[in-house]
Amino acid sequence: MQLFLLDNMYSNTVKWMEQHMLTCPSKFFTHIDCPGCGLQRSYISLLKGDVAESLRLYPAAIPIMFLIVFLLLHLANKYKKGTNILAVLYIFCAIIIAVHYIYRVVTHQIF
């Protein structure tokens, strides 16, 4: 019974997130996707268990998630080389975002 209630609560949370996604100001005013467009849908796909769809929507979603988790762990534990690792993770995420956005521009997927 408890498992059913947790599963129901989980699916209700995902449905609520799908219905209350934030609107991108760039997309709203210029009708052009920004480099962050797709992140919310990507995380919702991850919550549904669809990793392939998540990566298709926004390839940097999973690395960004790891970056945030490591940042929180570093703030709590003060790792010796934590700032260096965070810098590398940040650059890695930025490169993925830039390459994905350039790909979308070249293939005319931003409109």
Foldseek 3Di string as FASTA:
>chain_A
DVVVVVVVVLVVVLVVLVVDPDDDPCCVPVVFDDLCPQLSVLVSCVSVVNNVVSCVRAVLNVLVVVLVVLVVVCVVPVDPCSVVVSVVSVVVSVVSSVVVVVVCVVVVNGD
